[in-house]
Amino acid sequence: MPPLGVIVHLARRVAMSEDEDQPGAVVWVGRRCWPYGRALMGSAGGIASTLLERSIWVDAQSPAERLWAMDVALRGGAVGAVIGDGSGLSLPATRRLQVSAQAGGSMALLVRPAHEALELSAAQTRWTVRHEPAPGAESEQGARARWSIELLRCKGVRPKVESARRWVVRWNHETGDVGLVADTGRRSGEAAGAGRRSALRIA
């Protein structure tokens, strides 16, 4: 699934954190958001091993089970991030997770299917991730995975221009990370506020 490539990148950043006040463990709740093995291993063995060693897998199936598992993990304050299958979760359920994340000082990332894009959520930010076809020349050379990431909502912040809501990123096979495609920044330079666009972090 395209969103999982971006999620794995964020999980790797958490696992590599050297901040003593921010534990590096990552909890994955629900099989639908579990990445496949190769996405975790990549080519950067040391970094991949860190993510694997610091990952906890919870096979919760129903929305109620997943909500309980994420709530407990977030409130404990012993993990850096909780990544969960958010399908079927109601607005009150997401509010509960928001409170739990604030109480435990952990980051919560919910992965939801496209058909739930219009469902209400208490999330601080909401994003949509889609596969992005590579340009012709790059495609002929065997392009790496590319995705478009669009910011749907960010509480308290409104971009000055509509184009500042969308980025194109590409997976780096050597490092296992996801980074901005170089020409994305050049295109955004046509609009005001392009500098802020390139510096915005996905979280």
N, C-alpha and C. Protein backbone atom coordinates (compact mmCIF):
# COMPACT_ATOMS: atom_id res chain seq x y z
N MET A 1 0.84 -1.20 0.00
CA MET A 1 0.00 0.00 0.00
C MET A 1 0.88 1.25 0.00
N PRO A 2 0.62 2.22 -0.88
CA PRO A 2 1.45 3.42 -0.93
C PRO A 2 1.63 4.12 0.41
N PRO A 3 0.58 4.31 1.24
CA PRO A 3 0.80 5.03 2.50
C PRO A 3 1.82 4.36 3.41
N LEU A 4 1.95 3.06 3.33
CA LEU A 4 2.85 2.37 4.25
C LEU A 4 4.31 2.69 3.98
N GLY A 5 4.67 3.05 2.76
CA GLY A 5 6.03 3.45 2.50
C GLY A 5 6.39 4.71 3.28
N VAL A 6 5.45 5.65 3.34
CA VAL A 6 5.67 6.88 4.09
C VAL A 6 5.64 6.59 5.59
N ILE A 7 4.73 5.71 6.02
CA ILE A 7 4.63 5.36 7.43
C ILE A 7 5.92 4.69 7.91
N VAL A 8 6.48 3.79 7.11
CA VAL A 8 7.73 3.13 7.48
C VAL A 8 8.84 4.16 7.66
N HIS A 9 8.87 5.15 6.79
CA HIS A 9 9.88 6.21 6.91
C HIS A 9 9.75 6.92 8.26
N LEU A 10 8.52 7.27 8.64
CA LEU A 10 8.30 7.95 9.91
C LEU A 10 8.66 7.05 11.09
N ALA A 11 8.31 5.77 10.97
CA ALA A 11 8.64 4.82 12.04
C ALA A 11 10.15 4.70 12.21
N ARG A 12 10.88 4.71 11.09
CA ARG A 12 12.33 4.62 11.15
C ARG A 12 12.92 5.85 11.85
N ARG A 13 12.36 7.03 11.58
CA ARG A 13 12.83 8.24 12.25
C ARG A 13 12.65 8.13 13.77
N VAL A 14 11.51 7.57 14.18
CA VAL A 14 11.24 7.40 15.62
C VAL A 14 12.21 6.40 16.22
N ALA A 15 12.41 5.28 15.53
CA ALA A 15 13.29 4.23 16.05
C ALA A 15 14.72 4.70 16.18
N MET A 16 15.14 5.62 15.33
CA MET A 16 16.52 6.12 15.36
C MET A 16 16.70 7.29 16.31
N SER A 17 15.62 7.72 16.95
CA SER A 17 15.70 8.88 17.83
C SER A 17 16.68 8.62 18.96
N GLU A 18 17.52 9.62 19.23
CA GLU A 18 18.49 9.52 20.32
C GLU A 18 18.08 10.40 21.50
N ASP A 19 16.87 10.91 21.44
CA ASP A 19 16.36 11.75 22.52
C ASP A 19 15.97 10.87 23.70
N GLU A 20 16.60 11.07 24.85
CA GLU A 20 16.32 10.23 26.02
C GLU A 20 14.89 10.39 26.51
N ASP A 21 14.29 11.55 26.22
CA ASP A 21 12.91 11.80 26.66
C ASP A 21 11.89 11.28 25.66
N GLN A 22 12.35 10.74 24.54
CA GLN A 22 11.45 10.24 23.50
C GLN A 22 11.83 8.80 23.17
N PRO A 23 11.19 7.81 23.83
CA PRO A 23 11.53 6.41 23.57
C PRO A 23 11.39 6.08 22.09
N GLY A 24 12.23 5.14 21.61
CA GLY A 24 12.23 4.83 20.20
C GLY A 24 11.38 3.65 19.79
N ALA A 25 10.67 3.02 20.70
CA ALA A 25 9.85 1.86 20.36
C ALA A 25 8.65 2.28 19.51
N VAL A 26 8.28 1.40 18.56
CA VAL A 26 7.14 1.66 17.69
C VAL A 26 6.17 0.49 17.82
N VAL A 27 4.91 0.79 18.09
CA VAL A 27 3.87 -0.24 18.22
C VAL A 27 2.99 -0.21 16.98
N TRP A 28 2.85 -1.37 16.31
CA TRP A 28 2.02 -1.49 15.11
C TRP A 28 0.76 -2.27 15.50
N VAL A 29 -0.40 -1.65 15.40
CA VAL A 29 -1.65 -2.26 15.84
C VAL A 29 -2.55 -2.55 14.64
N GLY A 30 -2.83 -3.83 14.41
CA GLY A 30 -3.70 -4.23 13.30
C GLY A 30 -2.92 -4.63 12.07
N ARG A 31 -3.18 -5.82 11.55
CA ARG A 31 -2.38 -6.36 10.44
C ARG A 31 -2.45 -5.52 9.18
N ARG A 32 -3.53 -4.78 8.98
CA ARG A 32 -3.67 -4.02 7.74
C ARG A 32 -2.64 -2.90 7.64
N CYS A 33 -2.05 -2.51 8.75
CA CYS A 33 -1.03 -1.46 8.69
C CYS A 33 0.37 -2.02 8.90
N TRP A 34 0.50 -3.35 8.95
CA TRP A 34 1.84 -3.95 9.08
C TRP A 34 2.53 -3.89 7.73
N PRO A 35 3.74 -3.33 7.66
CA PRO A 35 4.48 -3.32 6.39
C PRO A 35 5.06 -4.69 6.10
N TYR A 36 5.31 -4.97 4.83
CA TYR A 36 5.92 -6.24 4.49
C TYR A 36 7.41 -6.20 4.83
N GLY A 37 8.01 -7.36 4.98
CA GLY A 37 9.37 -7.47 5.49
C GLY A 37 10.40 -6.67 4.74
N ARG A 38 10.35 -6.69 3.41
CA ARG A 38 11.37 -6.00 2.62
C ARG A 38 11.35 -4.50 2.86
N ALA A 39 10.16 -3.94 3.12
CA ALA A 39 10.06 -2.51 3.38
C ALA A 39 10.79 -2.15 4.66
N LEU A 40 10.81 -3.06 5.62
CA LEU A 40 11.51 -2.81 6.88
C LEU A 40 13.01 -3.03 6.73
N MET A 41 13.40 -4.03 5.95
CA MET A 41 14.81 -4.35 5.83
C MET A 41 15.56 -3.38 4.93
N GLY A 42 15.02 -3.10 3.74
CA GLY A 42 15.69 -2.21 2.81
C GLY A 42 17.12 -2.66 2.54
N SER A 43 17.98 -1.70 2.22
CA SER A 43 19.39 -1.99 1.98
C SER A 43 20.27 -1.50 3.12
N ALA A 44 19.70 -0.67 4.00
CA ALA A 44 20.48 -0.11 5.10
C ALA A 44 20.33 -1.02 6.31
N GLY A 45 21.12 -2.08 6.37
CA GLY A 45 20.96 -3.10 7.39
C GLY A 45 20.91 -2.59 8.81
N GLY A 46 21.83 -1.68 9.18
CA GLY A 46 21.87 -1.20 10.55
C GLY A 46 20.61 -0.46 10.94
N ILE A 47 20.17 0.44 10.06
CA ILE A 47 18.97 1.21 10.34
C ILE A 47 17.75 0.31 10.38
N ALA A 48 17.66 -0.62 9.43
CA ALA A 48 16.52 -1.52 9.38
C ALA A 48 16.47 -2.38 10.63
N SER A 49 17.63 -2.87 11.07
CA SER A 49 17.66 -3.70 12.26
C SER A 49 17.16 -2.93 13.47
N THR A 50 17.50 -1.64 13.54
CA THR A 50 17.04 -0.81 14.65
C THR A 50 15.53 -0.75 14.67
N LEU A 51 14.90 -0.56 13.51
CA LEU A 51 13.45 -0.49 13.44
C LEU A 51 12.83 -1.83 13.82
N LEU A 52 13.36 -2.93 13.32
CA LEU A 52 12.83 -4.24 13.65
C LEU A 52 12.94 -4.53 15.14
N GLU A 53 14.09 -4.22 15.71
CA GLU A 53 14.31 -4.49 17.12
C GLU A 53 13.40 -3.67 18.02
N ARG A 54 13.01 -2.51 17.55
CA ARG A 54 12.19 -1.61 18.37
C ARG A 54 10.72 -1.64 17.99
N SER A 55 10.31 -2.60 17.19
CA SER A 55 8.90 -2.71 16.79
C SER A 55 8.18 -3.76 17.62
N ILE A 56 6.94 -3.44 17.97
CA ILE A 56 6.05 -4.35 18.69
C ILE A 56 4.81 -4.53 17.84
N TRP A 57 4.43 -5.80 17.59
CA TRP A 57 3.32 -6.09 16.68
C TRP A 57 2.12 -6.59 17.47
N VAL A 58 0.98 -5.92 17.31
CA VAL A 58 -0.25 -6.28 18.02
C VAL A 58 -1.29 -6.71 17.00
N ASP A 59 -1.71 -7.96 17.07
CA ASP A 59 -2.68 -8.50 16.11
C ASP A 59 -4.10 -8.30 16.62
N ALA A 60 -4.52 -7.05 16.70
CA ALA A 60 -5.89 -6.72 17.10
C ALA A 60 -6.73 -6.61 15.84
N GLN A 61 -7.95 -7.14 15.86
CA GLN A 61 -8.72 -7.22 14.63
C GLN A 61 -9.91 -6.27 14.59
N SER A 62 -10.81 -6.35 15.53
CA SER A 62 -12.01 -5.50 15.49
C SER A 62 -11.66 -4.06 15.86
N PRO A 63 -12.50 -3.10 15.45
CA PRO A 63 -12.24 -1.70 15.82
C PRO A 63 -12.09 -1.51 17.33
N ALA A 64 -12.92 -2.22 18.11
CA ALA A 64 -12.85 -2.09 19.56
C ALA A 64 -11.52 -2.60 20.10
N GLU A 65 -11.04 -3.73 19.57
CA GLU A 65 -9.76 -4.28 20.01
C GLU A 65 -8.61 -3.36 19.63
N ARG A 66 -8.65 -2.83 18.41
CA ARG A 66 -7.58 -1.94 17.97
C ARG A 66 -7.57 -0.65 18.79
N LEU A 67 -8.75 -0.11 19.06
CA LEU A 67 -8.84 1.11 19.86
C LEU A 67 -8.25 0.89 21.25
N TRP A 68 -8.60 -0.24 21.88
CA TRP A 68 -8.09 -0.54 23.23
C TRP A 68 -6.58 -0.67 23.22
N ALA A 69 -6.04 -1.39 22.24
CA ALA A 69 -4.60 -1.61 22.18
C ALA A 69 -3.85 -0.29 21.96
N MET A 70 -4.35 0.54 21.06
CA MET A 70 -3.69 1.83 20.80
C MET A 70 -3.79 2.74 22.01
N ASP A 71 -4.93 2.73 22.67
CA ASP A 71 -5.13 3.58 23.84
C ASP A 71 -4.15 3.21 24.96
N VAL A 72 -4.01 1.92 25.22
CA VAL A 72 -3.10 1.45 26.27
C VAL A 72 -1.66 1.80 25.93
N ALA A 73 -1.27 1.57 24.69
CA ALA A 73 0.11 1.85 24.28
C ALA A 73 0.44 3.33 24.38
N LEU A 74 -0.51 4.18 23.99
CA LEU A 74 -0.26 5.62 24.01
C LEU A 74 -0.20 6.17 25.42
N ARG A 75 -1.09 5.72 26.27
CA ARG A 75 -1.15 6.24 27.64
C ARG A 75 0.05 5.81 28.47
N GLY A 76 0.66 4.68 28.12
CA GLY A 76 1.78 4.19 28.92
C GLY A 76 2.99 5.10 28.88
N GLY A 77 3.17 5.87 27.81
CA GLY A 77 4.29 6.79 27.69
C GLY A 77 5.63 6.12 27.50
N ALA A 78 5.63 4.82 27.17
CA ALA A 78 6.89 4.08 27.04
C ALA A 78 7.27 3.85 25.58
N VAL A 79 6.51 4.39 24.63
CA VAL A 79 6.81 4.19 23.22
C VAL A 79 6.91 5.53 22.52
N GLY A 80 7.64 5.55 21.39
CA GLY A 80 7.77 6.77 20.63
C GLY A 80 6.59 7.03 19.71
N ALA A 81 6.02 5.95 19.17
CA ALA A 81 4.91 6.11 18.24
C ALA A 81 4.03 4.87 18.25
N VAL A 82 2.75 5.09 18.01
CA VAL A 82 1.80 4.00 17.83
C VAL A 82 1.19 4.18 16.44
N ILE A 83 1.35 3.16 15.60
CA ILE A 83 0.81 3.19 14.24
C ILE A 83 -0.29 2.16 14.17
N GLY A 84 -1.50 2.61 13.87
CA GLY A 84 -2.63 1.70 13.94
C GLY A 84 -3.53 1.72 12.73
N ASP A 85 -4.20 0.61 12.51
CA ASP A 85 -5.24 0.50 11.50
C ASP A 85 -6.45 1.26 12.03
N GLY A 86 -6.72 2.43 11.46
CA GLY A 86 -7.80 3.28 11.95
C GLY A 86 -9.12 3.06 11.26
N SER A 87 -9.25 2.03 10.44
CA SER A 87 -10.51 1.81 9.73
C SER A 87 -11.63 1.50 10.70
N GLY A 88 -12.77 2.12 10.48
CA GLY A 88 -13.94 1.86 11.30
C GLY A 88 -13.97 2.61 12.62
N LEU A 89 -12.98 3.44 12.91
CA LEU A 89 -12.97 4.19 14.17
C LEU A 89 -13.84 5.44 14.04
N SER A 90 -14.65 5.69 15.05
CA SER A 90 -15.56 6.83 15.06
C SER A 90 -14.85 8.10 15.52
N LEU A 91 -15.52 9.24 15.40
CA LEU A 91 -14.96 10.50 15.87
C LEU A 91 -14.65 10.45 17.37
N PRO A 92 -15.57 9.96 18.23
CA PRO A 92 -15.23 9.85 19.65
C PRO A 92 -14.00 8.97 19.90
N ALA A 93 -13.83 7.91 19.10
CA ALA A 93 -12.68 7.03 19.28
C ALA A 93 -11.38 7.77 18.97
N THR A 94 -11.38 8.59 17.90
CA THR A 94 -10.17 9.33 17.56
C THR A 94 -9.89 10.42 18.60
N ARG A 95 -10.93 10.98 19.19
CA ARG A 95 -10.73 11.95 20.28
C ARG A 95 -10.07 11.27 21.48
N ARG A 96 -10.51 10.07 21.77
CA ARG A 96 -9.91 9.31 22.87
C ARG A 96 -8.43 9.08 22.62
N LEU A 97 -8.07 8.74 21.39
CA LEU A 97 -6.67 8.51 21.07
C LEU A 97 -5.86 9.81 21.11
N GLN A 98 -6.48 10.91 20.72
CA GLN A 98 -5.79 12.19 20.78
C GLN A 98 -5.44 12.54 22.23
N VAL A 99 -6.39 12.34 23.14
CA VAL A 99 -6.15 12.60 24.56
C VAL A 99 -5.06 11.67 25.09
N SER A 100 -5.11 10.41 24.69
CA SER A 100 -4.12 9.43 25.15
C SER A 100 -2.72 9.78 24.66
N ALA A 101 -2.62 10.23 23.42
CA ALA A 101 -1.32 10.60 22.86
C ALA A 101 -0.73 11.80 23.60
N GLN A 102 -1.58 12.76 23.93
CA GLN A 102 -1.12 13.93 24.67
C GLN A 102 -0.70 13.55 26.08
N ALA A 103 -1.45 12.64 26.70
CA ALA A 103 -1.14 12.23 28.06
C ALA A 103 0.16 11.45 28.14
N GLY A 104 0.41 10.60 27.15
CA GLY A 104 1.61 9.77 27.17
C GLY A 104 2.80 10.38 26.47
N GLY A 105 2.59 11.50 25.75
CA GLY A 105 3.69 12.14 25.04
C GLY A 105 4.19 11.34 23.85
N SER A 106 3.33 10.52 23.26
CA SER A 106 3.70 9.70 22.11
C SER A 106 2.99 10.20 20.86
N MET A 107 3.51 9.81 19.70
CA MET A 107 2.90 10.17 18.43
C MET A 107 1.96 9.05 17.99
N ALA A 108 0.77 9.41 17.55
CA ALA A 108 -0.20 8.43 17.06
C ALA A 108 -0.44 8.68 15.58
N LEU A 109 -0.31 7.62 14.78
CA LEU A 109 -0.55 7.69 13.33
C LEU A 109 -1.61 6.65 12.99
N LEU A 110 -2.72 7.09 12.43
CA LEU A 110 -3.79 6.17 12.03
C LEU A 110 -3.79 6.05 10.52
N VAL A 111 -3.82 4.82 10.04
CA VAL A 111 -3.88 4.55 8.60
C VAL A 111 -5.31 4.15 8.27
N ARG A 112 -5.94 4.89 7.37
CA ARG A 112 -7.34 4.63 7.05
C ARG A 112 -7.49 4.43 5.54
N PRO A 113 -8.44 3.60 5.13
CA PRO A 113 -8.65 3.37 3.69
C PRO A 113 -9.24 4.60 3.01
N ALA A 114 -9.07 4.67 1.70
CA ALA A 114 -9.50 5.85 0.95
C ALA A 114 -10.99 6.11 1.07
N HIS A 115 -11.80 5.06 1.18
CA HIS A 115 -13.25 5.28 1.23
C HIS A 115 -13.70 5.92 2.54
N GLU A 116 -12.80 6.06 3.52
CA GLU A 116 -13.15 6.72 4.78
C GLU A 116 -12.59 8.14 4.84
N ALA A 117 -12.20 8.67 3.70
CA ALA A 117 -11.58 10.01 3.67
C ALA A 117 -12.50 11.09 4.21
N LEU A 118 -13.80 10.92 4.07
CA LEU A 118 -14.74 11.94 4.52
C LEU A 118 -15.22 11.72 5.96
N GLU A 119 -14.78 10.64 6.59
CA GLU A 119 -15.16 10.40 7.98
C GLU A 119 -14.51 11.43 8.90
N LEU A 120 -15.27 11.89 9.90
CA LEU A 120 -14.75 12.89 10.82
C LEU A 120 -13.67 12.29 11.71
N SER A 121 -12.68 13.11 12.06
CA SER A 121 -11.57 12.65 12.89
C SER A 121 -11.06 13.81 13.74
N ALA A 122 -10.55 13.49 14.93
CA ALA A 122 -9.98 14.51 15.81
C ALA A 122 -8.49 14.70 15.58
N ALA A 123 -7.94 14.09 14.55
CA ALA A 123 -6.51 14.17 14.28
C ALA A 123 -6.05 15.62 14.09
N GLN A 124 -4.83 15.90 14.54
CA GLN A 124 -4.26 17.24 14.37
C GLN A 124 -4.04 17.54 12.89
N THR A 125 -3.57 16.55 12.14
CA THR A 125 -3.41 16.70 10.70
C THR A 125 -3.99 15.48 10.00
N ARG A 126 -4.46 15.69 8.77
CA ARG A 126 -4.97 14.59 7.96
C ARG A 126 -4.31 14.68 6.58
N TRP A 127 -3.88 13.52 6.08
CA TRP A 127 -3.15 13.46 4.82
C TRP A 127 -3.74 12.37 3.94
N THR A 128 -3.58 12.53 2.64
CA THR A 128 -3.89 11.44 1.72
C THR A 128 -2.64 11.13 0.92
N VAL A 129 -2.36 9.84 0.72
CA VAL A 129 -1.16 9.40 0.02
C VAL A 129 -1.59 8.56 -1.17
N ARG A 130 -1.07 8.91 -2.34
CA ARG A 130 -1.40 8.18 -3.57
C ARG A 130 -0.13 7.84 -4.33
N HIS A 131 -0.22 6.78 -5.12
CA HIS A 131 0.90 6.44 -6.00
C HIS A 131 1.07 7.53 -7.05
N GLU A 132 2.32 7.92 -7.30
CA GLU A 132 2.62 8.96 -8.27
C GLU A 132 3.42 8.36 -9.42
N PRO A 133 2.87 8.30 -10.63
CA PRO A 133 3.62 7.77 -11.77
C PRO A 133 4.89 8.56 -12.00
N ALA A 134 5.97 7.88 -12.33
CA ALA A 134 7.25 8.55 -12.60
C ALA A 134 7.23 9.15 -14.00
N PRO A 135 8.01 10.22 -14.22
CA PRO A 135 8.12 10.80 -15.56
C PRO A 135 8.62 9.77 -16.56
N GLY A 136 8.37 9.99 -17.84
CA GLY A 136 8.72 9.03 -18.87
C GLY A 136 10.16 8.57 -18.84
N ALA A 137 11.11 9.51 -18.81
CA ALA A 137 12.53 9.16 -18.84
C ALA A 137 12.92 8.35 -17.62
N GLU A 138 12.44 8.78 -16.48
CA GLU A 138 12.79 8.07 -15.24
C GLU A 138 12.15 6.70 -15.21
N SER A 139 10.92 6.60 -15.75
CA SER A 139 10.22 5.32 -15.76
C SER A 139 10.98 4.29 -16.58
N GLU A 140 11.59 4.76 -17.69
CA GLU A 140 12.33 3.83 -18.55
C GLU A 140 13.57 3.28 -17.86
N GLN A 141 14.09 4.03 -16.88
CA GLN A 141 15.30 3.62 -16.17
C GLN A 141 14.99 2.78 -14.92
N GLY A 142 13.72 2.45 -14.73
CA GLY A 142 13.35 1.68 -13.55
C GLY A 142 13.21 2.57 -12.33
N ALA A 143 12.20 3.41 -12.34
CA ALA A 143 12.04 4.40 -11.28
C ALA A 143 11.74 3.76 -9.93
N ARG A 144 12.17 4.42 -8.89
CA ARG A 144 11.83 4.00 -7.54
C ARG A 144 10.41 4.44 -7.24
N ALA A 145 9.86 3.86 -6.18
CA ALA A 145 8.48 4.17 -5.82
C ALA A 145 8.32 5.66 -5.51
N ARG A 146 7.27 6.24 -6.04
CA ARG A 146 6.96 7.66 -5.81
C ARG A 146 5.53 7.78 -5.33
N TRP A 147 5.30 8.74 -4.43
CA TRP A 147 3.96 8.98 -3.92
C TRP A 147 3.69 10.48 -3.86
N SER A 148 2.44 10.85 -4.05
CA SER A 148 2.04 12.24 -3.80
C SER A 148 1.39 12.28 -2.43
N ILE A 149 1.78 13.27 -1.64
CA ILE A 149 1.26 13.44 -0.29
C ILE A 149 0.54 14.77 -0.23
N GLU A 150 -0.74 14.75 0.12
CA GLU A 150 -1.53 15.97 0.16
C GLU A 150 -2.06 16.21 1.57
N LEU A 151 -1.87 17.41 2.05
CA LEU A 151 -2.39 17.80 3.36
C LEU A 151 -3.84 18.19 3.22
N LEU A 152 -4.73 17.43 3.88
CA LEU A 152 -6.16 17.72 3.81
C LEU A 152 -6.58 18.73 4.86
N ARG A 153 -5.97 18.59 6.05
CA ARG A 153 -6.34 19.51 7.13
C ARG A 153 -5.21 19.58 8.15
N CYS A 154 -4.99 20.78 8.68
CA CYS A 154 -4.04 20.98 9.77
C CYS A 154 -4.66 22.01 10.70
N LYS A 155 -5.01 21.60 11.90
CA LYS A 155 -5.71 22.48 12.83
C LYS A 155 -4.88 23.72 13.13
N GLY A 156 -5.49 24.88 12.97
CA GLY A 156 -4.83 26.13 13.31
C GLY A 156 -3.93 26.69 12.23
N VAL A 157 -3.78 26.00 11.11
CA VAL A 157 -2.89 26.46 10.04
C VAL A 157 -3.61 26.37 8.70
N ARG A 158 -3.53 27.42 7.92
CA ARG A 158 -4.12 27.41 6.57
C ARG A 158 -3.05 27.88 5.58
N PRO A 159 -2.63 27.03 4.65
CA PRO A 159 -1.62 27.44 3.66
C PRO A 159 -2.07 28.67 2.88
N LYS A 160 -1.11 29.56 2.56
CA LYS A 160 -1.45 30.77 1.83
C LYS A 160 -1.84 30.47 0.39
N VAL A 161 -1.29 29.39 -0.16
CA VAL A 161 -1.62 29.01 -1.53
C VAL A 161 -2.00 27.54 -1.55
N GLU A 162 -2.91 27.19 -2.45
CA GLU A 162 -3.39 25.82 -2.53
C GLU A 162 -2.28 24.84 -2.87
N SER A 163 -1.29 25.28 -3.68
CA SER A 163 -0.22 24.38 -4.10
C SER A 163 0.67 23.97 -2.94
N ALA A 164 0.59 24.69 -1.82
CA ALA A 164 1.44 24.36 -0.67
C ALA A 164 0.90 23.17 0.11
N ARG A 165 -0.15 22.53 -0.38
CA ARG A 165 -0.74 21.39 0.31
C ARG A 165 -0.24 20.05 -0.22
N ARG A 166 0.56 20.05 -1.29
CA ARG A 166 0.90 18.79 -1.95
C ARG A 166 2.40 18.67 -2.19
N TRP A 167 2.93 17.48 -1.94
CA TRP A 167 4.34 17.18 -2.17
C TRP A 167 4.45 15.87 -2.94
N VAL A 168 5.54 15.70 -3.65
CA VAL A 168 5.85 14.42 -4.30
C VAL A 168 7.12 13.90 -3.66
N VAL A 169 7.08 12.65 -3.19
CA VAL A 169 8.24 12.06 -2.53
C VAL A 169 8.62 10.76 -3.23
N ARG A 170 9.86 10.34 -2.99
CA ARG A 170 10.36 9.13 -3.64
C ARG A 170 11.12 8.29 -2.62
N TRP A 171 10.99 6.98 -2.75
CA TRP A 171 11.68 6.06 -1.85
C TRP A 171 13.12 5.86 -2.31
N ASN A 172 14.05 5.98 -1.36
CA ASN A 172 15.46 5.77 -1.65
C ASN A 172 15.81 4.34 -1.28
N HIS A 173 16.12 3.54 -2.29
CA HIS A 173 16.37 2.11 -2.06
C HIS A 173 17.61 1.89 -1.19
N GLU A 174 18.59 2.75 -1.30
CA GLU A 174 19.85 2.57 -0.57
C GLU A 174 19.70 2.83 0.92
N THR A 175 18.95 3.87 1.27
CA THR A 175 18.81 4.23 2.68
C THR A 175 17.50 3.76 3.29
N GLY A 176 16.51 3.44 2.44
CA GLY A 176 15.21 3.05 2.96
C GLY A 176 14.36 4.24 3.38
N ASP A 177 14.84 5.46 3.15
CA ASP A 177 14.11 6.66 3.53
C ASP A 177 13.26 7.18 2.38
N VAL A 178 12.37 8.11 2.73
CA VAL A 178 11.53 8.79 1.75
C VAL A 178 11.91 10.26 1.76
N GLY A 179 12.14 10.85 0.57
CA GLY A 179 12.53 12.26 0.50
C GLY A 179 11.80 12.98 -0.62
N LEU A 180 11.80 14.30 -0.54
CA LEU A 180 11.16 15.11 -1.56
C LEU A 180 11.83 14.92 -2.91
N VAL A 181 11.03 14.84 -3.96
CA VAL A 181 11.57 14.82 -5.32
C VAL A 181 12.09 16.20 -5.62
N ALA A 182 13.29 16.29 -6.18
CA ALA A 182 13.97 17.57 -6.36
C ALA A 182 13.14 18.59 -7.14
N ASP A 183 12.52 18.15 -8.23
CA ASP A 183 11.81 19.12 -9.07
C ASP A 183 10.52 19.60 -8.44
N THR A 184 10.07 18.93 -7.35
CA THR A 184 8.86 19.40 -6.66
C THR A 184 9.08 20.79 -6.12
N GLY A 185 10.26 21.01 -5.51
CA GLY A 185 10.57 22.34 -4.96
C GLY A 185 10.62 23.40 -6.03
N ARG A 186 11.16 23.05 -7.22
CA ARG A 186 11.25 24.03 -8.29
C ARG A 186 9.87 24.42 -8.79
N ARG A 187 8.98 23.44 -8.87
CA ARG A 187 7.62 23.78 -9.31
C ARG A 187 6.94 24.67 -8.30
N SER A 188 7.16 24.38 -7.00
CA SER A 188 6.49 25.17 -5.98
C SER A 188 7.03 26.59 -5.91
N GLY A 189 8.23 26.84 -6.50
CA GLY A 189 8.79 28.16 -6.49
C GLY A 189 7.96 29.16 -7.26
N GLU A 190 7.04 28.69 -8.06
CA GLU A 190 6.18 29.59 -8.82
C GLU A 190 5.16 30.26 -7.92
N ALA A 191 4.97 29.70 -6.71
CA ALA A 191 3.97 30.24 -5.80
C ALA A 191 4.66 30.83 -4.58
N ALA A 192 3.99 31.76 -3.93
CA ALA A 192 4.55 32.37 -2.72
C ALA A 192 4.59 31.34 -1.61
N GLY A 193 5.59 31.48 -0.72
CA GLY A 193 5.69 30.57 0.41
C GLY A 193 6.31 29.25 0.07
N ALA A 194 7.02 29.13 -1.04
CA ALA A 194 7.59 27.86 -1.45
C ALA A 194 8.63 27.37 -0.46
N GLY A 195 9.38 28.28 0.18
CA GLY A 195 10.40 27.87 1.13
C GLY A 195 9.81 27.13 2.30
N ARG A 196 8.69 27.62 2.80
CA ARG A 196 8.05 26.95 3.93
C ARG A 196 7.55 25.58 3.52
N ARG A 197 7.13 25.46 2.28
CA ARG A 197 6.62 24.19 1.80
C ARG A 197 7.68 23.10 1.89
N SER A 198 8.88 23.39 1.44
CA SER A 198 9.92 22.38 1.40
C SER A 198 10.40 22.00 2.80
N ALA A 199 10.14 22.85 3.79
CA ALA A 199 10.63 22.59 5.13
C ALA A 199 9.58 21.90 6.01
N LEU A 200 8.35 21.78 5.54
CA LEU A 200 7.29 21.20 6.37
C LEU A 200 7.52 19.73 6.60
N ARG A 201 7.39 19.30 7.83
CA ARG A 201 7.59 17.89 8.16
C ARG A 201 6.24 17.17 8.22
N ILE A 202 6.27 15.89 7.87
CA ILE A 202 5.06 15.08 7.94
C ILE A 202 5.03 14.46 9.33
N ALA A 203 3.98 14.76 10.10
CA ALA A 203 3.88 14.22 11.46
C ALA A 203 2.44 14.22 11.90
